[in-house]
């Protein structure tokens, strides 16, 4: 038997299934036969609601432990049968939290290259959002959102009690799934497709990202910066036009800032998803809030020039590196926007499309993540309010286009 056995490792809600899907898609693009064997899907298929209660995962529950072991062995046998029949890569998607479980997997796959991939992420906000996403699974349908979250968190805690990080295994990679970063690797023998796998793990993948700037606001009309101004009538018309434009497209995840102009612009798109029968998820991330102009918040540029000429002139000389007093600059904005983008990509998982409704400076920083731009040029990237950027970025395809959704000019 030839082929590669990839074994996922990690606590629940750490991005294992997303990574497994990326591996399958990336390796299939190379012409390989790849299959994922997910223990959770098998459990829900075989046991249904009987396995949703936290007590099923309690380490002292011997019956629950035996049933989980039985399901694990079934999936291991299925994976090995797939490889025996000519498959190239089998991915076992499960927590595989204990060293004993992983030793059993190694014994079962003796003679077959086996690569363990451990996923970890301890960002509390991200974990909370990931748990909320998990609670939408059908197995929690009979519970309130609060009860479902409590149930899932108890499940995580039970897994945490038996969890042992990788260390004794011959071949493994430990991956920070928020930052797509390999933090540790061990290669005890030759692993097929290893270079390709590493490249997949460290790459940001975006199937379809629709990057939108909010519609026109009262502050835009008055030439003021920052603040939390609402949309004008024209801005509301732009938002409605955006909603109509996407009325026949599925956008499972829509990310906004915490500012009202961002939420107002996203509202018609969300309503359009609902009319199609889709329950789109909107998440407001502070990382996407517009640049903080500090002492200049709410001011017009001509006011800054007349009342604070030293600020106006210093920023004009180096717009990217200049930081507003008690505020931010593009250079200090980069870290939080990159973090927000990585959060959005993590939380949307394998969604076919996501939308970010951001702001002028925010969208400039997001675009610079995908496009090569000299840092000093980033503050001058064109960010219209009547067009959006459509971005695709995978290992096999790069696409960047500016699409008009309304005949109005910004």
Protein backbone atom coordinates (compact mmCIF):
# COMPACT_ATOMS: atom_id res chain seq x y z
CA UNK A 1 0.00 0.00 0.00
CA UNK A 2 1.26 3.48 -0.91
CA UNK A 3 0.02 6.95 -0.14
CA UNK A 4 0.07 9.41 2.75
CA UNK A 5 -1.98 9.41 5.94
CA UNK A 6 -2.49 12.92 7.37
CA UNK A 7 -3.84 12.97 10.93
CA UNK A 8 -5.32 16.19 12.30
CA UNK A 9 -4.80 16.99 15.99
CA UNK A 10 -6.25 19.75 18.17
CA UNK A 11 -8.96 20.81 20.55
CA UNK A 12 -12.41 21.60 19.10
CA UNK A 13 -12.91 24.98 17.37
CA UNK A 14 -9.23 25.36 16.46
CA UNK A 15 -9.66 25.24 12.69
CA UNK A 16 -8.86 21.57 12.00
CA UNK A 17 -11.64 21.04 9.47
CA UNK A 18 -10.78 24.24 7.63
CA UNK A 19 -7.14 23.17 7.37
CA UNK A 20 -8.18 19.67 6.27
CA UNK A 21 -10.31 21.14 3.48
CA UNK A 22 -7.46 23.43 2.37
CA UNK A 23 -5.16 20.43 2.20
CA UNK A 24 -7.64 18.46 0.14
CA UNK A 25 -8.28 21.32 -2.29
CA UNK A 26 -4.60 22.16 -2.65
CA UNK A 27 -3.47 18.58 -3.17
CA UNK A 28 -6.34 17.77 -5.52
CA UNK A 29 -5.24 20.69 -7.67
CA UNK A 30 -2.01 18.72 -8.18
CA UNK A 31 -3.99 15.78 -9.56
CA UNK A 32 -3.93 13.72 -6.36
CA UNK A 33 -6.81 11.65 -5.04
CA UNK A 34 -7.63 12.98 -1.57
CA UNK A 35 -10.38 12.07 0.88
CA UNK A 36 -11.29 13.44 4.32
CA UNK A 37 -12.56 11.12 7.03
CA UNK A 38 -14.26 13.22 9.70
CA UNK A 39 -14.98 11.54 13.04
CA UNK A 40 -17.61 14.13 13.98
CA UNK A 41 -19.62 13.51 10.82
CA UNK A 42 -19.46 9.75 11.40
CA UNK A 43 -20.53 10.24 15.04
CA UNK A 44 -23.54 12.35 14.07
CA UNK A 45 -24.47 9.84 11.37
CA UNK A 46 -24.27 6.81 13.69
CA UNK A 47 -25.32 8.25 17.07
CA UNK A 48 -27.23 11.46 16.33
CA UNK A 49 -28.48 13.39 19.36
CA UNK A 50 -27.20 10.70 21.72
CA UNK A 51 -23.68 12.09 21.27
CA UNK A 52 -24.37 15.81 21.61
CA UNK A 53 -24.51 15.97 25.42
CA UNK A 54 -21.28 16.99 27.19
CA UNK A 55 -21.43 13.86 29.35
CA UNK A 56 -20.68 11.78 26.25
CA UNK A 57 -17.16 13.29 26.29
CA UNK A 58 -16.55 13.19 30.04
CA UNK A 59 -13.25 11.28 30.55
CA UNK A 60 -14.83 9.14 33.28
CA UNK A 61 -17.70 8.03 31.00
CA UNK A 62 -16.40 4.61 29.99
CA UNK A 63 -19.31 3.85 27.66
CA UNK A 64 -18.85 7.16 25.84
CA UNK A 65 -15.10 6.55 25.57
CA UNK A 66 -15.62 3.09 24.09
CA UNK A 67 -18.11 4.38 21.52
CA UNK A 68 -15.72 7.17 20.50
CA UNK A 69 -12.91 4.64 20.14
CA UNK A 70 -15.11 2.42 18.00
CA UNK A 71 -15.94 5.32 15.68
CA UNK A 72 -12.27 6.27 15.48
CA UNK A 73 -11.30 2.75 14.45
CA UNK A 74 -14.03 2.69 11.78
CA UNK A 75 -12.70 5.88 10.22
CA UNK A 76 -9.10 4.68 10.41
CA UNK A 77 -10.08 1.48 8.58
CA UNK A 78 -11.97 3.51 5.98
CA UNK A 79 -8.98 5.79 5.44
CA UNK A 80 -6.56 2.90 5.05
CA UNK A 81 -8.96 1.13 2.68
CA UNK A 82 -9.08 4.28 0.55
CA UNK A 83 -5.28 4.35 0.34
CA UNK A 84 -5.16 0.60 -0.34
CA UNK A 85 -7.55 1.14 -3.26
CA UNK A 86 -5.22 3.65 -4.88
CA UNK A 87 -5.96 6.87 -3.05
CA UNK A 88 -3.02 9.24 -2.64
CA UNK A 89 -3.81 11.11 0.59
CA UNK A 90 -6.25 10.27 3.38
CA UNK A 91 -6.96 12.97 5.98
CA UNK A 92 -8.29 11.87 9.37
CA UNK A 93 -10.16 14.89 10.78
CA UNK A 94 -10.66 14.53 14.55
CA UNK A 95 -9.31 15.86 17.83
CA UNK A 96 -6.97 12.86 18.33
CA UNK A 97 -6.23 14.53 21.65
CA UNK A 98 -4.46 11.76 23.58
CA UNK A 99 -1.10 10.21 22.96
CA UNK A 100 -2.77 6.78 23.30
CA UNK A 101 -5.15 7.53 20.41
CA UNK A 102 -2.29 8.70 18.23
CA UNK A 103 -0.19 5.64 19.11
CA UNK A 104 -3.11 3.46 18.04
CA UNK A 105 -3.28 5.33 14.72
CA UNK A 106 0.46 4.87 14.14
CA UNK A 107 0.17 1.17 14.90
CA UNK A 108 -2.76 0.79 12.52
CA UNK A 109 -0.90 2.63 9.75
CA UNK A 110 2.41 0.83 10.30
CA UNK A 111 4.59 1.03 7.19
CA UNK A 112 2.59 3.95 5.81
CA UNK A 113 3.95 7.55 5.91
CA UNK A 114 1.91 9.32 8.59
CA UNK A 115 2.01 13.07 9.13
CA UNK A 116 0.35 14.61 12.19
CA UNK A 117 -0.86 18.21 11.82
CA UNK A 118 -1.67 19.93 15.10
CA UNK A 119 -3.87 23.06 14.97
CA UNK A 120 -3.90 25.53 17.82
CA UNK A 121 -5.28 28.99 18.49
CA UNK A 122 -5.91 30.54 21.87
CA UNK A 123 -7.35 33.94 20.94
CA UNK A 124 -10.34 34.27 23.34
CA UNK A 125 -12.49 36.40 21.03
CA UNK A 126 -11.89 34.08 18.12
CA UNK A 127 -12.64 30.99 20.17
CA UNK A 128 -15.90 32.50 21.41
CA UNK A 129 -16.95 33.26 17.83
CA UNK A 130 -15.89 29.78 16.72
CA UNK A 131 -18.00 28.19 19.46
CA UNK A 132 -20.99 30.29 18.38
CA UNK A 133 -20.52 28.96 14.85
CA UNK A 134 -20.33 25.38 16.10
CA UNK A 135 -23.57 25.77 18.06
CA UNK A 136 -25.44 26.18 14.77
CA UNK A 137 -24.86 22.51 14.01
CA UNK A 138 -28.07 20.41 13.80
CA UNK A 139 -27.09 18.46 16.93
CA UNK A 140 -27.76 21.60 19.01
CA UNK A 141 -31.08 22.41 17.34
CA UNK A 142 -33.08 21.71 20.50
CA UNK A 143 -31.08 24.10 22.66
CA UNK A 144 -31.05 27.85 23.09
CA UNK A 145 -27.88 29.55 21.77
CA UNK A 146 -26.70 30.08 25.35
CA UNK A 147 -27.30 26.45 26.33
CA UNK A 148 -25.63 25.21 23.14
CA UNK A 149 -22.55 27.34 23.83
CA UNK A 150 -22.34 26.08 27.41
CA UNK A 151 -22.67 22.49 26.20
CA UNK A 152 -19.93 22.87 23.60
CA UNK A 153 -17.58 24.65 26.02
CA UNK A 154 -17.99 21.77 28.48
CA UNK A 155 -17.11 19.38 25.66
CA UNK A 156 -13.93 21.38 24.99
CA UNK A 157 -13.02 21.29 28.67
CA UNK A 158 -13.36 17.49 28.76
CA UNK A 159 -11.07 17.18 25.75
CA UNK A 160 -8.63 19.59 27.38
CA UNK A 161 -8.28 17.22 30.35
CA UNK A 162 -6.88 14.45 28.14
CA UNK A 163 -5.10 16.62 25.59
CA UNK A 164 -1.39 16.04 25.01
CA UNK A 165 0.38 18.20 22.40
CA UNK A 166 2.48 16.54 19.72
CA UNK A 167 6.04 15.69 20.64
CA UNK A 168 6.69 11.94 20.55
CA UNK A 169 5.43 11.42 17.01
CA UNK A 170 8.00 10.83 14.24
CA UNK A 171 6.58 13.30 11.72
CA UNK A 172 4.49 16.32 12.60
CA UNK A 173 3.72 19.98 12.01
CA UNK A 174 2.30 22.37 14.61
CA UNK A 175 0.28 25.16 13.02
CA UNK A 176 -0.98 28.49 14.36
CA UNK A 177 -4.27 28.52 12.48
CA UNK A 178 -5.02 32.21 13.03
CA UNK A 179 -1.77 33.35 11.46
CA UNK A 180 -1.24 30.39 9.09
CA UNK A 181 2.19 29.86 10.59
CA UNK A 182 4.15 26.66 11.15
CA UNK A 183 5.71 26.97 14.61
CA UNK A 184 7.32 23.53 14.87
CA UNK A 185 8.06 20.63 12.58
CA UNK A 186 9.69 17.22 12.78
CA UNK A 187 10.44 15.01 9.83
CA UNK A 188 11.63 11.59 10.93
CA UNK A 189 11.39 10.09 7.45
CA UNK A 190 10.44 11.09 3.93
CA UNK A 191 6.85 12.32 3.69
CA UNK A 192 5.28 12.48 0.22
CA UNK A 193 4.09 15.93 -0.97
CA UNK A 194 5.64 17.52 2.13
CA UNK A 195 6.87 20.73 0.45
CA UNK A 196 3.46 21.24 -1.15
CA UNK A 197 1.70 20.64 2.18
CA UNK A 198 3.80 23.24 3.98
CA UNK A 199 3.05 25.81 1.30
CA UNK A 200 -0.69 25.17 1.63
CA UNK A 201 -0.59 25.51 5.41
CA UNK A 202 1.10 28.92 5.41
CA UNK A 203 -1.01 30.48 2.64
CA UNK A 204 -4.06 32.74 3.03
CA UNK A 205 -6.83 31.31 0.85
CA UNK A 206 -9.74 33.42 -0.30
CA UNK A 207 -12.21 31.89 -2.73
CA UNK A 208 -14.28 35.05 -3.16
CA UNK A 209 -13.76 38.17 -1.07
CA UNK A 210 -16.01 41.14 -1.79
CA UNK A 211 -14.39 44.19 -0.28
CA UNK A 212 -16.83 47.10 0.02
CA UNK A 213 -16.51 50.61 1.35
CA UNK A 214 -19.52 52.00 3.25
CA UNK A 215 -21.85 54.38 1.41
CA UNK A 216 -21.70 58.14 1.56
CA UNK A 217 -22.03 59.64 5.05
CA UNK A 218 -22.84 63.04 6.50
CA UNK A 219 -19.14 63.43 7.34
CA UNK A 220 -18.16 62.60 3.74
CA UNK A 221 -20.36 65.44 2.52
CA UNK A 222 -18.94 67.84 5.11
CA UNK A 223 -15.37 66.72 4.45
CA UNK A 224 -14.85 65.54 8.05
CA UNK A 225 -12.71 62.59 9.09
CA UNK A 226 -13.38 59.71 11.50
CA UNK A 227 -16.42 59.78 13.76
CA UNK A 228 -19.52 57.62 13.61
CA UNK A 229 -21.69 59.48 11.13
CA UNK A 230 -24.75 57.84 9.53
CA UNK A 231 -25.34 57.38 5.82
CA UNK A 232 -26.90 60.16 3.79
CA UNK A 233 -29.84 59.55 1.45
CA UNK A 234 -27.32 58.95 -1.29
CA UNK A 235 -25.42 56.56 0.97
CA UNK A 236 -28.60 54.62 1.72
CA UNK A 237 -29.31 54.45 -2.02
CA UNK A 238 -25.79 53.07 -2.56
CA UNK A 239 -26.38 50.46 0.15
CA UNK A 240 -29.68 49.42 -1.45
CA UNK A 241 -27.99 49.17 -4.84
CA UNK A 242 -25.34 46.94 -3.26
CA UNK A 243 -28.09 44.74 -1.80
CA UNK A 244 -29.77 44.41 -5.21
CA UNK A 245 -26.45 43.61 -6.86
CA UNK A 246 -25.89 40.66 -4.51
CA UNK A 247 -29.56 39.60 -4.33
CA UNK A 248 -28.92 36.38 -6.28
CA UNK A 249 -25.55 35.54 -4.77
CA UNK A 250 -24.87 33.59 -1.58
CA UNK A 251 -22.67 35.45 0.92
CA UNK A 252 -22.60 33.28 4.08
CA UNK A 253 -20.41 35.68 6.11
CA UNK A 254 -20.48 39.47 6.17
CA UNK A 255 -17.96 41.31 8.32
CA UNK A 256 -18.39 44.95 9.26
CA UNK A 257 -16.75 47.43 11.59
CA UNK A 258 -18.54 48.54 14.76
CA UNK A 259 -19.44 51.88 13.12
CA UNK A 260 -23.05 52.51 12.08
CA UNK A 261 -22.17 53.46 8.51
CA UNK A 262 -20.66 50.02 7.97
CA UNK A 263 -23.66 48.20 9.46
CA UNK A 264 -26.11 50.37 7.48
CA UNK A 265 -24.33 49.52 4.24
CA UNK A 266 -24.39 45.79 5.01
CA UNK A 267 -28.07 45.71 6.02
CA UNK A 268 -29.59 45.45 2.50
CA UNK A 269 -27.16 42.65 1.61
CA UNK A 270 -28.19 40.73 4.73
CA UNK A 271 -31.86 41.30 3.91
CA UNK A 272 -31.28 39.99 0.40
CA UNK A 273 -29.68 36.83 1.77
CA UNK A 274 -32.69 36.30 4.03
CA UNK A 275 -35.09 36.68 1.10
CA UNK A 276 -33.16 33.93 -0.68
CA UNK A 277 -33.64 31.69 2.34
CA UNK A 278 -30.04 31.89 3.54
CA UNK A 279 -29.10 32.79 7.08
CA UNK A 280 -26.04 34.94 6.52
CA UNK A 281 -23.90 35.68 9.56
CA UNK A 282 -22.80 39.26 10.25
CA UNK A 283 -19.89 39.85 12.59
CA UNK A 284 -18.73 43.30 13.67
CA UNK A 285 -14.97 43.38 14.27
CA UNK A 286 -13.27 46.30 15.98
CA UNK A 287 -10.20 45.54 13.85
CA UNK A 288 -12.13 46.95 10.88
CA UNK A 289 -12.98 50.28 12.55
CA UNK A 290 -11.69 53.26 10.58
CA UNK A 291 -8.33 54.79 11.42
CA UNK A 292 -8.44 56.81 14.65
CA UNK A 293 -7.53 60.42 13.86
CA UNK A 294 -6.92 61.22 17.53
CA UNK A 295 -7.04 64.96 18.22
CA UNK A 296 -8.29 65.50 14.67
CA UNK A 297 -11.38 63.26 14.89
CA UNK A 298 -14.42 64.95 13.35
CA UNK A 299 -12.42 67.81 11.84
CA UNK A 300 -12.27 68.94 8.20
CA UNK A 301 -8.89 68.93 6.48
CA UNK A 302 -9.04 72.70 5.96
CA UNK A 303 -9.62 73.08 9.72
CA UNK A 304 -6.58 70.94 10.47
CA UNK A 305 -4.48 73.00 8.06
CA UNK A 306 -5.52 76.30 9.63
CA UNK A 307 -5.68 75.29 13.32
CA UNK A 308 -2.95 72.60 13.44
CA UNK A 309 -0.57 73.39 10.57
CA UNK A 310 2.26 71.35 12.10
CA UNK A 311 0.06 68.21 11.99
CA UNK A 312 -1.16 68.94 8.48
CA UNK A 313 2.38 69.50 7.13
CA UNK A 314 3.94 66.52 8.94
CA UNK A 315 1.28 64.16 7.62
CA UNK A 316 1.61 65.56 4.10
CA UNK A 317 5.33 64.77 4.13
CA UNK A 318 4.89 61.10 5.09
CA UNK A 319 1.27 60.04 5.07
CA UNK A 320 1.97 56.35 5.65
CA UNK A 321 4.21 56.69 8.71
CA UNK A 322 2.57 59.72 10.28
CA UNK A 323 0.57 58.96 13.47
CA UNK A 324 -2.12 61.35 14.65
CA UNK A 325 -1.52 62.60 18.22
CA UNK A 326 -3.52 60.31 20.54
CA UNK A 327 -4.56 58.36 17.44
CA UNK A 328 -3.24 56.08 14.72
CA UNK A 329 -1.48 56.16 11.39
CA UNK A 330 -1.35 53.74 8.47
CA UNK A 331 1.85 52.22 9.85
CA UNK A 332 0.26 51.46 13.23
CA UNK A 333 -3.03 50.42 11.63
CA UNK A 334 -1.47 47.54 9.69
CA UNK A 335 -1.17 45.08 12.57
CA UNK A 336 -4.83 45.31 13.66
CA UNK A 337 -6.19 45.21 10.10
CA UNK A 338 -4.07 42.16 9.27
CA UNK A 339 -5.39 40.56 12.45
CA UNK A 340 -8.98 41.40 11.50
CA UNK A 341 -8.50 39.92 8.03
CA UNK A 342 -7.06 36.72 9.47
CA UNK A 343 -9.97 36.53 11.94
CA UNK A 344 -12.46 36.93 9.10
CA UNK A 345 -10.80 34.21 7.03
CA UNK A 346 -10.61 31.88 10.04
CA UNK A 347 -14.21 32.42 11.14
CA UNK A 348 -15.63 32.03 7.63
CA UNK A 349 -13.87 28.67 7.32
CA UNK A 350 -14.59 27.08 3.96
CA UNK A 351 -17.30 29.54 2.93
CA UNK A 352 -17.52 30.04 -0.85
CA UNK A 353 -17.70 33.82 -0.39
CA UNK A 354 -17.32 36.49 2.27
CA UNK A 355 -17.89 40.24 2.31
CA UNK A 356 -16.08 42.91 4.30
CA UNK A 357 -17.78 46.29 4.56
CA UNK A 358 -14.97 48.53 5.69
CA UNK A 359 -13.70 52.08 5.46
CA UNK A 360 -11.29 53.93 3.20
CA UNK A 361 -8.07 53.44 5.20
CA UNK A 362 -9.10 49.94 6.31
CA UNK A 363 -9.78 48.78 2.77
CA UNK A 364 -6.50 50.24 1.58
CA UNK A 365 -4.66 48.13 4.15
CA UNK A 366 -6.63 44.99 3.19
CA UNK A 367 -5.86 45.54 -0.48
CA UNK A 368 -2.19 45.98 0.27
CA UNK A 369 -2.28 42.51 1.87
CA UNK A 370 -3.10 40.97 -1.52
CA UNK A 371 -1.39 43.40 -3.89
CA UNK A 372 2.20 44.51 -4.03
CA UNK A 373 2.26 48.21 -3.23
CA UNK A 374 5.08 50.31 -1.86
CA UNK A 375 4.12 51.30 1.67
CA UNK A 376 4.34 54.99 0.85
CA UNK A 377 1.72 54.48 -1.90
CA UNK A 378 -0.88 52.67 0.25
CA UNK A 379 -2.60 55.89 1.49
CA UNK A 380 -3.37 56.81 -2.12
CA UNK A 381 -5.14 53.62 -3.24
CA UNK A 382 -8.50 54.47 -4.81
CA UNK A 383 -11.42 53.26 -2.65
CA UNK A 384 -14.74 54.25 -4.27
CA UNK A 385 -18.17 54.06 -2.67
CA UNK A 386 -20.03 52.88 -5.77
CA UNK A 387 -17.74 49.95 -6.61
CA UNK A 388 -16.31 46.96 -4.76
CA UNK A 389 -13.17 44.87 -5.11
CA UNK A 390 -13.57 41.19 -5.92
CA UNK A 391 -10.54 39.17 -4.82
CA UNK A 392 -9.70 35.50 -5.34
CA UNK A 393 -6.42 34.22 -3.92
CA UNK A 394 -5.67 30.50 -3.90
CA UNK A 395 -2.65 28.43 -4.86
CA UNK A 396 -3.91 28.07 -8.42
CA UNK A 397 -5.79 31.29 -9.07
CA UNK A 398 -5.27 34.99 -8.44
CA UNK A 399 -8.02 37.44 -9.39
CA UNK A 400 -8.43 41.11 -8.63
CA UNK A 401 -11.18 43.23 -10.16
CA UNK A 402 -13.06 46.44 -9.41
CA UNK A 403 -16.80 46.05 -10.05
CA UNK A 404 -19.39 48.83 -10.23
CA UNK A 405 -22.71 48.07 -8.54
CA UNK A 406 -24.49 51.40 -9.09
CA UNK A 407 -24.52 54.12 -11.68
CA UNK A 408 -24.08 56.79 -9.02
CA UNK A 409 -20.71 58.39 -8.55
CA UNK A 410 -19.17 58.59 -5.10
